[in-house]
Amino acid sequence: MLRALGYSDAAGGDFSYVGALAFAQEKNLVISSLVSDSFTRDELVAVSHQTLRTPVKGSDQTLLEKLTSAGAIDKMAAAALTDRANIVKECSDILLQNIADYTALDCSAKFDFTASIRQKAFTSVFMYNLLADLKFIYADTASKADLAFTMVDPISNEQYNYHVWVKDGWVYLQEGERRIKIQIDFEELREIFDESKQQMDTGITEVGNTVIPSYIFSKVAKTQTDEGTLYEFVISPKFISAVFRQAYGDAPVGSSTYSVVINSANLSETILIKDATVKKATVVIDVDVESSEFDHFTGQLNYVVTVNAIGDDVAIDFPDFSDFVEESDVEATEVDSTAQTGGKA
């Protein structure tokens, strides 16, 4: 396949025979862990498709475009091969541009996680739920934010409500009846933000210039709905297993080496986009795992983010902060109270 792209493994060529896999990974043809244990027909088909959409040596023209222009592949057949890749790239480009533009955002998030862990004769089941509403407007030292979230403790099943605001150089925190405020150094935060933004922009450029391997998906779909364009991506279970294998190795369960065996792993994502703006994103993960640290683990995660507004449409309404007490004053009051009671709670 590398030879088909114009690369040579002859003496003094582009790569050596023994280094072919590493060179193929460098050219984004394959992920080495995906073929470390076996290379079946499925892998051959996946890598073949990836090769066809890879630029030939010294050109921006992909191998598929080259073969199509030469009449070696029918144009209709070529379109079928490129549809999946084009959908992935189209959605990725919009996501990356949205991330770059997000200096003001209003969104809601819902996170549900259920897990079961069996270790020896004991099985533990717990659920974790989180609801959050976030608004932020980045405007240098005039930046402001509003974050409210509700979570349920998986052990006690008790519900906690928190609210955080940022305004005029202060962070205001409310937890139940407790209200405190903390002054922040915006100059320091701005340096951190600017540095993070620069790193993000660099990362976006790098990701934008990288072709996402289509073989990591077992399903790619694009559907037009009344609410917008719905993109659906299902990650290949084999690819997920390969990632775990690369991270934890292949040692069998029960050996002295830490190991993980993936019985099943499913990961899917749907993204709703309208007018080149992300409106909603949903991630669903379902795993069944055995490891050397526990006998059996099953987990289901559902994560939904709804974008309510971006840019100039984001507005934040603040409450009256007059009864919020500065954190240093709260600490002083608590110390004084302890002293008066002789250190007794």
Protein backbone atom coordinates (compact mmCIF):
# COMPACT_ATOMS: atom_id res chain seq x y z
CA MET A 1 0.00 0.00 0.00
CA LEU A 2 2.89 2.34 0.71
CA ARG A 3 4.32 1.42 -2.67
CA ALA A 4 0.96 2.21 -4.28
CA LEU A 5 1.27 5.70 -2.81
CA GLY A 6 4.64 6.13 -4.50
CA TYR A 7 6.92 5.36 -1.53
CA SER A 8 9.88 3.04 -1.95
CA ASP A 9 11.47 0.49 0.36
CA ALA A 10 14.46 0.00 -1.92
CA ALA A 11 17.94 0.81 -0.63
CA GLY A 12 18.05 4.54 0.11
CA GLY A 13 14.28 4.77 -0.32
CA ASP A 14 11.55 6.23 1.89
CA PHE A 15 11.25 3.35 4.36
CA SER A 16 12.65 -0.06 5.17
CA TYR A 17 10.68 -3.28 5.06
CA VAL A 18 11.06 -3.84 8.81
CA GLY A 19 10.01 -0.25 9.46
CA ALA A 20 6.98 -0.36 7.18
CA LEU A 21 4.42 -0.38 9.99
CA ALA A 22 5.94 2.65 11.71
CA PHE A 23 6.13 4.52 8.39
CA ALA A 24 2.51 3.60 7.61
CA GLN A 25 1.46 4.97 10.98
CA GLU A 26 3.39 8.17 10.28
CA LYS A 27 1.45 8.54 7.03
CA ASN A 28 -1.82 7.95 8.93
CA LEU A 29 -2.58 4.67 7.20
CA VAL A 30 -2.86 2.53 10.31
CA ILE A 31 -2.61 2.56 14.09
CA SER A 32 0.00 -0.01 15.09
CA SER A 33 -1.93 -1.33 18.09
CA LEU A 34 -4.84 -2.15 15.80
CA VAL A 35 -2.79 -4.81 14.04
CA SER A 36 -0.40 -5.86 16.79
CA ASP A 37 -2.03 -9.24 17.40
CA SER A 38 -3.77 -10.07 14.14
CA PHE A 39 -4.37 -8.70 10.69
CA THR A 40 -7.61 -10.13 9.39
CA ARG A 41 -9.75 -9.34 6.37
CA ASP A 42 -11.51 -6.54 8.28
CA GLU A 43 -8.19 -4.80 8.96
CA LEU A 44 -7.14 -5.24 5.33
CA VAL A 45 -10.35 -3.60 4.11
CA ALA A 46 -10.04 -0.74 6.62
CA VAL A 47 -6.42 0.03 5.76
CA SER A 48 -7.15 -0.29 2.03
CA HIS A 49 -9.89 2.34 2.32
CA GLN A 50 -7.55 4.59 4.30
CA THR A 51 -4.85 4.18 1.65
CA LEU A 52 -7.24 5.25 -1.09
CA ARG A 53 -7.97 8.56 0.66
CA THR A 54 -4.32 9.30 1.46
CA PRO A 55 -2.37 11.75 -0.76
CA VAL A 56 0.21 10.12 -3.02
CA LYS A 57 3.84 11.02 -2.50
CA GLY A 58 4.64 14.62 -3.43
CA SER A 59 1.04 15.56 -4.20
CA ASP A 60 -2.19 16.78 -2.61
CA GLN A 61 -4.10 14.34 -4.81
CA THR A 62 -5.33 11.23 -3.02
CA LEU A 63 -4.72 7.79 -4.46
CA LEU A 64 -8.45 7.45 -5.11
CA GLU A 65 -8.53 10.73 -7.04
CA LYS A 66 -5.51 9.65 -9.04
CA LEU A 67 -7.03 6.28 -9.93
CA THR A 68 -10.40 7.86 -10.74
CA SER A 69 -8.88 10.48 -13.03
CA ALA A 70 -6.96 7.71 -14.79
CA GLY A 71 -10.20 5.76 -15.32
CA ALA A 72 -9.05 2.85 -13.15
CA ILE A 73 -11.98 3.34 -10.74
CA ASP A 74 -15.53 4.30 -11.69
CA LYS A 75 -16.60 7.73 -10.41
CA MET A 76 -19.82 6.37 -8.89
CA ALA A 77 -17.89 3.69 -7.03
CA ALA A 78 -15.36 6.29 -5.88
CA ALA A 79 -18.13 8.48 -4.46
CA ALA A 80 -19.35 5.59 -2.31
CA LEU A 81 -15.84 5.16 -0.91
CA THR A 82 -15.41 8.83 -0.04
CA ASP A 83 -18.83 9.52 1.50
CA ARG A 84 -17.89 8.24 4.97
CA ALA A 85 -14.58 10.10 5.01
CA ASN A 86 -16.22 13.31 3.81
CA ILE A 87 -18.86 13.15 6.55
CA VAL A 88 -16.19 12.69 9.23
CA LYS A 89 -14.13 15.61 7.89
CA GLU A 90 -17.16 17.87 7.44
CA CYS A 91 -18.30 17.41 11.03
CA SER A 92 -14.75 17.65 12.41
CA ASP A 93 -14.12 20.95 10.60
CA ILE A 94 -17.30 22.47 12.07
CA LEU A 95 -16.45 21.26 15.58
CA LEU A 96 -12.92 22.64 15.42
CA GLN A 97 -14.13 26.00 14.16
CA ASN A 98 -16.77 26.17 16.90
CA ILE A 99 -14.15 25.45 19.56
CA ALA A 100 -11.96 28.22 18.18
CA ASP A 101 -14.88 30.66 18.25
CA TYR A 102 -16.20 29.83 21.73
CA THR A 103 -15.35 32.99 23.70
CA ALA A 104 -18.96 33.15 24.88
CA LEU A 105 -21.11 30.10 25.52
CA ASP A 106 -24.39 29.14 27.17
CA CYS A 107 -24.92 25.40 27.52
CA SER A 108 -26.58 22.72 29.63
CA ALA A 109 -25.15 19.30 30.42
CA LYS A 110 -26.55 16.04 31.78
CA PHE A 111 -24.24 13.26 32.93
CA ASP A 112 -25.47 9.82 34.04
CA PHE A 113 -23.15 6.98 35.00
CA THR A 114 -24.08 3.54 36.30
CA ALA A 115 -21.47 0.95 37.24
CA SER A 116 -21.27 -2.52 38.73
CA ILE A 117 -18.01 -3.86 40.19
CA ARG A 118 -17.59 -7.45 41.34
CA GLN A 119 -14.54 -8.31 43.42
CA LYS A 120 -14.33 -11.79 44.92
CA ALA A 121 -17.72 -12.45 46.53
CA PHE A 122 -18.85 -8.84 46.70
CA THR A 123 -20.66 -6.79 44.07
CA SER A 124 -21.05 -3.03 44.34
CA VAL A 125 -23.47 -1.01 42.25
CA PHE A 126 -23.51 2.77 42.19
CA MET A 127 -25.01 5.57 40.14
CA TYR A 128 -23.66 9.05 39.56
CA ASN A 129 -25.80 11.86 38.18
CA LEU A 130 -24.87 15.44 37.38
CA LEU A 131 -26.85 18.32 35.91
CA ALA A 132 -25.07 21.54 35.01
CA ASP A 133 -25.81 24.90 33.40
CA LEU A 134 -22.88 26.99 32.25
CA LYS A 135 -22.63 30.50 30.89
CA PHE A 136 -19.39 32.34 30.33
CA ILE A 137 -18.25 35.43 28.48
CA TYR A 138 -14.53 35.91 28.05
CA ALA A 139 -13.69 39.61 27.85
CA ASP A 140 -10.27 40.00 29.42
CA THR A 141 -10.58 41.47 32.94
CA ALA A 142 -14.32 41.95 32.40
CA SER A 143 -14.87 38.21 31.99
CA LYS A 144 -17.90 36.79 33.73
CA ALA A 145 -19.51 33.41 34.26
CA ASP A 146 -22.48 31.62 35.79
CA LEU A 147 -22.23 27.92 36.68
CA ALA A 148 -24.93 25.96 38.46
CA PHE A 149 -24.80 22.23 38.99
CA THR A 150 -26.64 19.54 40.88
CA MET A 151 -25.11 16.19 41.75
CA VAL A 152 -26.26 13.09 43.62
CA ASP A 153 -23.75 11.36 45.89
CA PRO A 154 -23.51 7.73 44.70
CA ILE A 155 -22.96 6.48 48.27
CA SER A 156 -25.41 8.47 50.40
CA ASN A 157 -27.81 9.28 47.55
CA GLU A 158 -27.87 12.83 48.91
CA GLN A 159 -28.35 15.69 46.46
CA TYR A 160 -25.97 18.65 46.41
CA ASN A 161 -26.60 22.00 44.74
CA TYR A 162 -23.83 24.45 43.93
CA HIS A 163 -23.80 27.81 42.20
CA VAL A 164 -20.75 29.80 41.13
CA TRP A 165 -20.60 33.26 39.57
CA VAL A 166 -17.67 35.31 38.29
CA LYS A 167 -18.06 39.07 38.06
CA ASP A 168 -15.88 42.18 38.45
CA GLY A 169 -12.84 40.24 39.62
CA TRP A 170 -14.70 38.19 42.23
CA VAL A 171 -15.83 34.57 42.43
CA TYR A 172 -19.10 34.09 44.31
CA LEU A 173 -19.95 30.63 45.64
CA GLN A 174 -23.24 29.43 47.04
CA GLU A 175 -23.76 26.03 48.65
CA GLY A 176 -27.09 25.82 50.43
CA GLU A 177 -27.19 28.74 52.87
CA ARG A 178 -23.42 29.26 52.69
CA ARG A 179 -22.43 32.27 50.56
CA ILE A 180 -18.84 33.40 50.19
CA LYS A 181 -16.81 35.50 47.77
CA ILE A 182 -13.17 35.28 46.74
CA GLN A 183 -11.19 37.94 44.91
CA ILE A 184 -9.24 36.63 41.94
CA ASP A 185 -6.20 37.83 40.04
CA PHE A 186 -7.52 38.40 36.52
CA GLU A 187 -4.07 39.19 35.18
CA GLU A 188 -2.86 35.75 36.21
CA LEU A 189 -6.01 34.12 34.87
CA ARG A 190 -5.64 36.00 31.59
CA GLU A 191 -2.08 34.71 31.18
CA ILE A 192 -3.30 31.17 31.83
CA PHE A 193 -6.22 31.61 29.41
CA ASP A 194 -4.09 33.15 26.67
CA GLU A 195 -1.52 30.37 27.01
CA SER A 196 -4.24 27.72 26.94
CA LYS A 197 -5.91 29.42 23.97
CA GLN A 198 -2.62 29.47 22.07
CA GLN A 199 -2.07 25.78 22.79
CA MET A 200 -5.64 25.03 21.76
CA ASP A 201 -5.28 26.98 18.51
CA THR A 202 -2.08 25.08 17.75
CA GLY A 203 -3.80 21.80 18.56
CA ILE A 204 -6.77 22.71 16.38
CA THR A 205 -4.42 23.47 13.48
CA GLU A 206 -2.64 20.16 13.96
CA VAL A 207 -5.89 18.21 14.23
CA GLY A 208 -7.35 20.08 11.28
CA ASN A 209 -4.36 19.05 9.19
CA THR A 210 -4.69 15.42 10.25
CA VAL A 211 -6.90 12.99 8.39
CA ILE A 212 -9.04 11.09 10.91
CA PRO A 213 -8.73 7.38 10.09
CA SER A 214 -12.14 6.22 8.88
CA TYR A 215 -11.49 2.69 10.12
CA ILE A 216 -11.93 3.72 13.75
CA PHE A 217 -15.67 3.98 13.01
CA SER A 218 -18.00 1.04 12.50
CA LYS A 219 -20.78 3.43 11.51
CA VAL A 220 -20.84 6.95 10.08
CA ALA A 221 -24.14 8.58 9.14
CA LYS A 222 -25.49 12.00 8.24
CA THR A 223 -29.22 12.73 8.37
CA GLN A 224 -31.18 15.90 7.65
CA THR A 225 -33.84 16.64 10.29
CA ASP A 226 -36.19 19.52 11.08
CA GLU A 227 -33.78 20.58 13.85
CA GLY A 228 -30.66 20.50 11.68
CA THR A 229 -28.08 18.02 10.40
CA LEU A 230 -27.57 15.00 12.64
CA TYR A 231 -24.17 13.29 12.50
CA GLU A 232 -23.82 9.83 14.03
CA PHE A 233 -20.53 8.09 14.75
CA VAL A 234 -20.07 4.64 16.27
CA ILE A 235 -16.51 3.74 17.26
CA SER A 236 -15.35 0.27 16.25
CA PRO A 237 -15.25 -2.07 19.31
CA LYS A 238 -11.98 -3.49 17.96
CA PHE A 239 -10.45 -0.03 17.92
CA ILE A 240 -11.53 0.59 21.54
CA SER A 241 -10.00 -2.75 22.56
CA ALA A 242 -6.81 -1.80 20.72
CA VAL A 243 -6.55 1.44 22.68
CA PHE A 244 -6.93 -0.43 25.97
CA ARG A 245 -4.45 -3.04 24.82
CA GLN A 246 -1.92 -0.38 23.95
CA ALA A 247 -2.38 1.23 27.37
CA TYR A 248 -2.44 -1.90 29.54
CA GLY A 249 -0.85 -4.67 27.49
CA ASP A 250 -2.01 -8.22 26.82
CA ALA A 251 -1.16 -9.98 30.08
CA PRO A 252 -3.93 -12.49 30.96
CA VAL A 253 -6.16 -11.86 33.94
CA GLY A 254 -4.69 -13.58 36.99
CA SER A 255 -1.07 -12.87 36.07
CA SER A 256 1.20 -10.67 38.17
CA THR A 257 1.10 -7.98 35.49
CA TYR A 258 -1.78 -5.50 35.53
CA SER A 259 -4.13 -6.45 32.73
CA VAL A 260 -7.47 -5.62 31.19
CA VAL A 261 -9.69 -7.83 29.06
CA ILE A 262 -12.45 -6.09 27.13
CA ASN A 263 -15.47 -8.38 26.82
CA SER A 264 -17.43 -5.69 25.02
CA ALA A 265 -17.07 -1.96 24.44
CA ASN A 266 -19.47 0.33 22.64
CA LEU A 267 -19.04 4.06 22.11
CA SER A 268 -21.31 6.21 20.01
CA GLU A 269 -21.74 9.93 19.52
CA THR A 270 -24.44 12.00 17.85
CA ILE A 271 -23.94 15.67 17.03
CA LEU A 272 -26.70 18.02 15.92
CA ILE A 273 -25.50 20.98 13.85
CA LYS A 274 -27.50 23.85 12.41
CA ASP A 275 -26.15 26.88 10.54
CA ALA A 276 -22.57 25.65 11.12
CA THR A 277 -23.13 25.70 14.89
CA VAL A 278 -23.27 22.73 17.25
CA LYS A 279 -26.67 22.56 18.95
CA LYS A 280 -26.46 19.27 20.82
CA ALA A 281 -23.98 16.46 21.39
CA THR A 282 -24.67 13.07 22.95
CA VAL A 283 -22.12 10.45 23.97
CA VAL A 284 -23.09 6.92 25.01
CA ILE A 285 -20.52 4.44 26.37
CA ASP A 286 -21.21 0.86 27.43
CA VAL A 287 -18.36 -1.38 28.61
CA ASP A 288 -17.89 -4.86 30.08
CA VAL A 289 -14.38 -5.39 31.44
CA GLU A 290 -12.36 -7.89 33.47
CA SER A 291 -9.05 -6.95 35.04
CA SER A 292 -6.40 -8.11 37.47
CA GLU A 293 -7.61 -5.52 40.01
CA PHE A 294 -11.27 -6.58 40.03
CA ASP A 295 -13.15 -9.60 38.73
CA HIS A 296 -15.75 -7.86 36.63
CA PHE A 297 -16.80 -4.32 35.77
CA THR A 298 -19.75 -3.10 33.74
CA GLY A 299 -20.49 0.54 33.15
CA GLN A 300 -22.93 2.68 31.20
CA LEU A 301 -22.39 6.39 30.63
CA ASN A 302 -24.71 8.89 28.98
CA TYR A 303 -23.52 12.44 28.45
CA VAL A 304 -25.65 15.11 26.77
CA VAL A 305 -24.61 18.71 26.11
CA THR A 306 -27.13 21.19 24.73
CA VAL A 307 -25.86 24.52 23.40
CA ASN A 308 -28.36 27.26 24.18
CA ALA A 309 -26.45 30.22 22.74
CA ILE A 310 -23.00 31.35 21.62
CA GLY A 311 -21.28 34.65 20.90
CA ASP A 312 -23.27 37.86 21.27
CA ASP A 313 -26.45 35.91 22.11
CA VAL A 314 -25.05 34.89 25.51
CA ALA A 315 -26.43 36.95 28.41
CA ILE A 316 -25.84 36.52 32.15
CA ASP A 317 -28.19 37.82 34.86
CA PHE A 318 -26.55 38.13 38.28
CA PRO A 319 -28.26 38.06 41.69
CA ASP A 320 -27.64 40.53 44.52
CA PHE A 321 -24.24 39.68 46.03
CA SER A 322 -24.55 42.01 49.05
CA ASP A 323 -24.93 39.13 51.53
CA PHE A 324 -21.90 37.18 50.26
CA VAL A 325 -19.09 37.22 52.84
CA GLU A 326 -15.42 37.39 51.89
CA GLU A 327 -13.70 34.06 52.50
CA SER A 328 -11.07 35.55 54.83
CA ASP A 329 -13.85 36.96 57.05
CA VAL A 330 -15.54 33.55 57.19
CA GLU A 331 -12.30 31.86 58.24
CA ALA A 332 -11.70 34.49 60.93
CA THR A 333 -15.22 34.00 62.31
CA GLU A 334 -14.77 30.23 62.43
CA VAL A 335 -11.42 30.56 64.22
CA ASP A 336 -12.90 32.99 66.76
CA SER A 337 -15.86 30.67 67.38
CA THR A 338 -13.53 27.72 67.99
CA ALA A 339 -11.44 29.75 70.44
CA GLN A 340 -14.50 30.79 72.44
CA THR A 341 -15.68 27.19 72.81
CA GLY A 342 -12.26 25.98 73.87
CA GLY A 343 -11.70 24.09 70.65
CA LYS A 344 -14.89 22.02 71.10
CA ALA A 345 -17.13 21.55 68.10
